[in-house]
Amino acid sequence: MSMNVSFIGLGVMGFPMAGHLANAGHNVTVYNRTTAKAQQWTQQYKGNVALTPALAAKGADIVFMCVGNDDDLRSVVYGNDGVLAGMTDGTILVDHTTTSAEVAREVSANAALQNIAFIDAPVSGGQAGAENGVLTVMAGGDETVFAKVQPVMAAFSRFSQLLGEVGSGQLCKMVNQICIAGVVQGLAEGLHFAKQAGLDGEKVIETISKGAAGSWQMENRYKTMWQGEYEFGFAVDWMRKDLGIALDEAKNNGATLPMTATVDQYYADVQALGGGRYDTSSLLARIEALHKK
């Protein structure tokens, strides 16, 4: 069923996500801080450009957002130009930004004052997942509301799951990033060891990827890591933002995350090497830089 939807934020994720909604037959209005990017979007997809989040949200059944961080989220939600100023009673606000659980609960409470439902719905799958429409969506919010948005999100997702009340999606995304951090560091150390031992990387991975050591990171990143190429995915700068959110949340809930804290500092080292825009597999670059000293 075709719906009136808005999409706020046309970055590397939002641009294709909004495109999938248009291709699915929905009436899409987009907003981006840089208007030129929004106009570029309309050259590729059928839809309209709005000059403020409020104007984009006007008349929408569902407003989707995918911006940078907590502050960016607040800037497009609140104020005379924010989405809440343009939304009407009974509509739904969905946030795909990776944020703190705290801001998700805050936005939800403010939306509820206007009888607007809120779902926090961070995604996993990276730029490739967004472009191919196969993201995983981790959601928090009301079950009835989620049931309404899930078929619409299917335009850009392969799997979506409601984890619990508002904030649960963000907490699940934190778990996702915690797990990735450890896997990538292990893979980086393994590949470094293989090089030092004079092994054939291709044969090593072909052998061990079939067993308990196998992972998505191994399958998709080992070749580029072996070649020292790190331009293939989620940036270190963004990973540090996400791990920072997870570490802050751990202070609140009493979780102990020693490995996550260590890998976060390793990513700080990668930033110091000038690798802020490298993808997360660049932990190997850090090991190799230390080894050359």
Protein backbone atom coordinates (compact mmCIF):
# COMPACT_ATOMS: atom_id res chain seq x y z
CA MET A 1 0.00 0.00 0.00
CA SER A 2 1.38 3.39 -1.03
CA MET A 3 1.93 5.86 1.82
CA ASN A 4 3.01 9.46 2.22
CA VAL A 5 6.45 9.30 3.83
CA SER A 6 9.26 11.72 4.57
CA PHE A 7 12.96 11.02 4.86
CA ILE A 8 15.20 13.38 6.83
CA GLY A 9 18.94 13.01 6.19
CA LEU A 10 20.43 11.87 2.89
CA GLY A 11 23.88 10.67 3.86
CA VAL A 12 25.51 7.46 2.66
CA MET A 13 22.73 5.50 4.39
CA GLY A 14 19.70 7.78 4.05
CA PHE A 15 20.15 8.54 0.35
CA PRO A 16 19.63 4.93 -0.82
CA MET A 17 17.14 4.12 1.96
CA ALA A 18 14.87 6.94 0.81
CA GLY A 19 15.42 5.75 -2.76
CA HIS A 20 14.13 2.27 -1.92
CA LEU A 21 10.99 3.83 -0.41
CA ALA A 22 10.39 5.75 -3.65
CA ASN A 23 11.03 2.64 -5.76
CA ALA A 24 8.52 0.74 -3.61
CA GLY A 25 5.84 3.19 -4.75
CA HIS A 26 5.57 5.44 -1.71
CA ASN A 27 5.13 9.21 -2.07
CA VAL A 28 8.45 10.45 -0.67
CA THR A 29 9.45 13.94 0.42
CA VAL A 30 13.10 14.38 1.40
CA TYR A 31 15.03 16.90 3.44
CA ASN A 32 18.78 17.26 3.74
CA ARG A 33 20.83 19.95 5.48
CA THR A 34 22.61 20.50 2.15
CA THR A 35 19.79 21.14 -0.31
CA ALA A 36 21.97 20.25 -3.31
CA LYS A 37 22.12 16.66 -2.02
CA ALA A 38 18.32 16.53 -1.84
CA GLN A 39 18.05 17.87 -5.39
CA GLN A 40 20.57 15.25 -6.51
CA TRP A 41 18.33 12.62 -4.91
CA THR A 42 15.32 13.76 -6.98
CA GLN A 43 17.38 13.33 -10.14
CA GLN A 44 17.74 9.63 -9.28
CA TYR A 45 14.38 8.95 -7.65
CA LYS A 46 10.79 10.12 -7.85
CA GLY A 47 9.95 12.46 -4.99
CA ASN A 48 9.89 16.00 -3.64
CA VAL A 49 12.38 18.22 -1.82
CA ALA A 50 11.41 20.25 1.26
CA LEU A 51 13.50 23.12 2.61
CA THR A 52 12.93 22.35 6.31
CA PRO A 53 12.26 19.16 8.30
CA ALA A 54 8.86 20.61 9.30
CA LEU A 55 7.84 21.13 5.67
CA ALA A 56 9.09 17.66 4.78
CA ALA A 57 7.00 16.13 7.57
CA LYS A 58 3.79 17.95 6.58
CA GLY A 59 1.18 15.46 5.38
CA ALA A 60 3.38 12.42 6.04
CA ASP A 61 1.98 9.24 7.56
CA ILE A 62 5.51 8.20 8.60
CA VAL A 63 8.61 10.37 8.97
CA PHE A 64 11.94 8.53 8.77
CA MET A 65 15.19 10.09 9.99
CA CYS A 66 18.81 9.07 9.56
CA VAL A 67 21.22 11.77 10.73
CA GLY A 68 24.57 11.85 12.53
CA ASN A 69 24.26 11.85 16.32
CA ASP A 70 22.12 12.91 19.31
CA ASP A 71 22.60 16.64 18.64
CA ASP A 72 21.81 16.27 14.92
CA LEU A 73 18.67 14.37 15.85
CA ARG A 74 17.48 17.09 18.22
CA SER A 75 18.18 19.74 15.56
CA VAL A 76 15.82 18.11 13.04
CA VAL A 77 13.12 17.14 15.58
CA TYR A 78 12.60 20.29 17.67
CA GLY A 79 11.88 23.96 17.01
CA ASN A 80 9.71 25.74 14.48
CA ASP A 81 11.49 23.98 11.61
CA GLY A 82 11.67 20.54 13.29
CA VAL A 83 9.66 17.53 12.19
CA LEU A 84 7.37 17.67 15.23
CA ALA A 85 6.21 21.12 14.09
CA GLY A 86 5.05 19.62 10.80
CA MET A 87 3.61 16.30 11.96
CA THR A 88 -0.03 15.70 12.87
CA ASP A 89 -1.90 13.68 15.46
CA GLY A 90 -1.66 9.91 14.95
CA THR A 91 1.40 9.87 12.68
CA ILE A 92 4.65 7.97 13.29
CA LEU A 93 8.25 9.13 13.70
CA VAL A 94 10.97 6.54 13.02
CA ASP A 95 14.63 7.23 13.78
CA HIS A 96 17.31 5.17 12.01
CA THR A 97 20.19 7.20 13.47
CA THR A 98 22.50 5.40 15.90
CA THR A 99 22.05 7.44 19.07
CA SER A 100 21.99 7.04 22.82
CA ALA A 101 18.97 5.23 24.27
CA GLU A 102 18.47 8.33 26.41
CA VAL A 103 17.75 10.64 23.46
CA ALA A 104 15.42 8.04 21.94
CA ARG A 105 13.35 8.07 25.14
CA GLU A 106 13.45 11.89 25.25
CA VAL A 107 12.23 12.32 21.66
CA SER A 108 9.57 9.67 22.21
CA ALA A 109 8.23 11.51 25.27
CA ASN A 110 8.08 14.83 23.40
CA ALA A 111 6.41 13.22 20.38
CA ALA A 112 3.82 11.60 22.66
CA LEU A 113 2.73 15.07 23.85
CA GLN A 114 1.43 15.57 20.30
CA ASN A 115 0.01 12.04 20.06
CA ILE A 116 2.82 11.10 17.67
CA ALA A 117 4.26 7.59 18.03
CA PHE A 118 8.03 7.03 18.02
CA ILE A 119 10.17 4.06 17.06
CA ASP A 120 13.95 4.02 17.52
CA ALA A 121 15.26 1.86 14.71
CA PRO A 122 19.04 1.87 14.22
CA VAL A 123 20.32 -0.26 11.37
CA SER A 124 23.20 -2.61 10.61
CA GLY A 125 24.57 -3.54 7.22
CA GLY A 126 26.50 -0.42 6.28
CA GLN A 127 26.46 1.51 3.03
CA ALA A 128 26.32 -1.67 0.93
CA GLY A 129 23.35 -2.91 2.95
CA ALA A 130 21.54 0.38 2.44
CA GLU A 131 22.27 0.45 -1.29
CA ASN A 132 21.15 -3.16 -1.76
CA GLY A 133 18.10 -2.78 0.48
CA VAL A 134 19.16 -5.55 2.86
CA LEU A 135 19.66 -3.74 6.17
CA THR A 136 18.90 -5.24 9.57
CA VAL A 137 16.65 -2.99 11.68
CA MET A 138 16.70 -3.14 15.50
CA ALA A 139 13.64 -1.41 16.90
CA GLY A 140 12.25 -0.14 20.16
CA GLY A 141 8.66 1.00 20.71
CA ASP A 142 5.04 -0.06 20.74
CA GLU A 143 4.18 -3.37 19.06
CA THR A 144 1.14 -2.00 17.22
CA VAL A 145 3.12 0.95 15.87
CA PHE A 146 6.00 -1.30 14.82
CA ALA A 147 3.54 -3.53 12.92
CA LYS A 148 2.51 -0.47 10.87
CA VAL A 149 6.04 0.61 9.95
CA GLN A 150 7.61 -2.82 9.44
CA PRO A 151 6.11 -3.42 5.96
CA VAL A 152 7.24 0.04 4.86
CA MET A 153 10.79 -0.49 6.20
CA ALA A 154 10.87 -3.74 4.21
CA ALA A 155 11.70 -1.57 1.18
CA PHE A 156 15.27 -1.20 2.50
CA SER A 157 15.61 -4.02 5.04
CA ARG A 158 16.02 -7.78 4.92
CA PHE A 159 15.18 -8.25 8.59
CA SER A 160 13.60 -6.09 11.28
CA GLN A 161 12.87 -6.96 14.89
CA LEU A 162 11.16 -5.24 17.79
CA LEU A 163 13.38 -5.67 20.88
CA GLY A 164 11.17 -3.99 23.47
CA GLU A 165 10.18 -0.51 24.61
CA VAL A 166 11.65 2.71 23.18
CA GLY A 167 15.45 2.69 23.51
CA SER A 168 15.72 -1.08 23.05
CA GLY A 169 16.70 -0.72 19.41
CA GLN A 170 19.58 1.55 20.35
CA LEU A 171 20.69 -0.84 23.11
CA CYS A 172 20.69 -3.72 20.61
CA LYS A 173 22.79 -1.64 18.20
CA MET A 174 25.28 -1.11 21.01
CA VAL A 175 25.52 -4.90 21.42
CA ASN A 176 26.09 -5.13 17.65
CA GLN A 177 29.00 -2.67 17.73
CA ILE A 178 30.54 -4.25 20.86
CA CYS A 179 30.59 -7.64 19.10
CA ILE A 180 32.04 -6.20 15.88
CA ALA A 181 34.87 -4.46 17.76
CA GLY A 182 36.17 -7.71 19.22
CA VAL A 183 35.78 -9.68 16.01
CA VAL A 184 37.69 -7.12 13.92
CA GLN A 185 40.56 -6.89 16.42
CA GLY A 186 40.84 -10.68 16.49
CA LEU A 187 40.85 -10.82 12.69
CA ALA A 188 43.47 -8.04 12.49
CA GLU A 189 45.76 -9.90 14.91
CA GLY A 190 45.21 -13.21 13.08
CA LEU A 191 46.11 -11.73 9.70
CA HIS A 192 49.15 -9.98 11.18
CA PHE A 193 50.29 -13.28 12.68
CA ALA A 194 49.76 -15.06 9.34
CA LYS A 195 51.92 -12.47 7.56
CA GLN A 196 54.67 -12.76 10.17
CA ALA A 197 54.56 -16.54 9.83
CA GLY A 198 54.92 -16.29 6.04
CA LEU A 199 51.60 -17.99 5.35
CA ASP A 200 49.44 -17.58 2.23
CA GLY A 201 46.56 -15.40 3.47
CA GLU A 202 44.12 -16.65 0.84
CA LYS A 203 44.69 -20.29 1.80
CA VAL A 204 44.58 -19.55 5.52
CA ILE A 205 41.20 -17.82 5.27
CA GLU A 206 39.82 -20.40 2.84
CA THR A 207 40.65 -23.01 5.47
CA ILE A 208 39.64 -21.37 8.75
CA SER A 209 36.57 -19.48 7.46
CA LYS A 210 34.76 -22.81 7.09
CA GLY A 211 35.02 -23.47 10.84
CA ALA A 212 34.41 -21.78 14.18
CA ALA A 213 36.67 -18.80 13.35
CA GLY A 214 34.50 -17.74 10.41
CA SER A 215 32.66 -14.39 10.49
CA TRP A 216 31.10 -11.79 8.21
CA GLN A 217 34.15 -9.61 8.79
CA MET A 218 36.47 -12.42 7.72
CA GLU A 219 34.53 -13.22 4.56
CA ASN A 220 34.07 -9.60 3.50
CA ARG A 221 37.20 -7.82 4.72
CA TYR A 222 40.17 -10.19 4.82
CA LYS A 223 41.28 -9.55 1.20
CA THR A 224 41.29 -5.78 1.51
CA MET A 225 42.92 -5.96 4.95
CA TRP A 226 45.66 -8.23 3.56
CA GLN A 227 46.28 -5.67 0.81
CA GLY A 228 46.23 -2.72 3.24
CA GLU A 229 43.13 -1.14 1.68
CA TYR A 230 40.63 0.44 4.04
CA GLU A 231 38.06 2.32 1.95
CA PHE A 232 35.27 -0.24 2.06
CA GLY A 233 32.73 0.49 4.72
CA PHE A 234 31.80 2.05 8.02
CA ALA A 235 34.28 4.76 9.02
CA VAL A 236 36.43 4.69 12.15
CA ASP A 237 35.11 8.13 13.18
CA TRP A 238 31.57 6.74 13.26
CA MET A 239 32.62 3.56 15.04
CA ARG A 240 34.23 5.63 17.79
CA LYS A 241 30.98 7.57 18.15
CA ASP A 242 29.05 4.30 18.49
CA LEU A 243 31.50 2.69 20.91
CA GLY A 244 31.45 5.87 22.99
CA ILE A 245 27.67 5.57 23.27
CA ALA A 246 28.01 1.91 24.31
CA LEU A 247 30.69 2.67 26.91
CA ASP A 248 28.58 5.50 28.37
CA GLU A 249 25.57 3.19 28.59
CA ALA A 250 27.73 0.54 30.28
CA LYS A 251 28.50 3.03 33.06
CA ASN A 252 24.75 3.42 33.57
CA ASN A 253 23.83 -0.26 33.56
CA GLY A 254 26.94 -1.64 35.28
CA ALA A 255 28.16 -3.73 32.33
CA THR A 256 31.90 -4.45 32.18
CA LEU A 257 33.38 -3.86 28.71
CA PRO A 258 37.19 -4.08 28.97
CA MET A 259 37.73 -5.33 25.42
CA THR A 260 35.41 -2.69 23.95
CA ALA A 261 37.22 0.08 25.84
CA THR A 262 40.57 -1.23 24.60
CA VAL A 263 39.49 -1.49 20.97
CA ASP A 264 37.97 1.99 21.18
CA GLN A 265 41.44 3.26 22.12
CA TYR A 266 42.94 1.28 19.24
CA TYR A 267 40.55 3.12 16.92
CA ALA A 268 41.79 6.38 18.49
CA ASP A 269 45.28 5.28 17.42
CA VAL A 270 43.98 4.75 13.86
CA GLN A 271 42.54 8.28 13.92
CA ALA A 272 45.95 9.57 15.03
CA LEU A 273 47.46 7.83 11.99
CA GLY A 274 45.10 9.91 9.83
CA GLY A 275 42.67 7.04 9.37
CA GLY A 276 39.47 8.59 10.67
CA ARG A 277 37.76 7.88 7.37
CA TYR A 278 39.25 4.39 7.01
CA ASP A 279 36.78 1.55 7.46
CA THR A 280 36.68 -0.37 10.75
CA SER A 281 38.93 -3.17 9.46
CA SER A 282 41.84 -0.70 9.66
CA LEU A 283 42.78 -2.03 13.10
CA LEU A 284 45.35 -4.03 11.12
CA ALA A 285 46.92 -0.75 9.92
CA ARG A 286 47.49 0.17 13.56
CA ILE A 287 49.24 -3.14 14.31
CA GLU A 288 51.43 -2.80 11.22
CA ALA A 289 52.30 0.81 12.04
CA LEU A 290 53.40 -0.25 15.54
CA HIS A 291 55.36 -3.15 14.11
CA LYS A 292 57.38 -0.87 11.83
CA LYS A 293 58.56 1.28 14.74
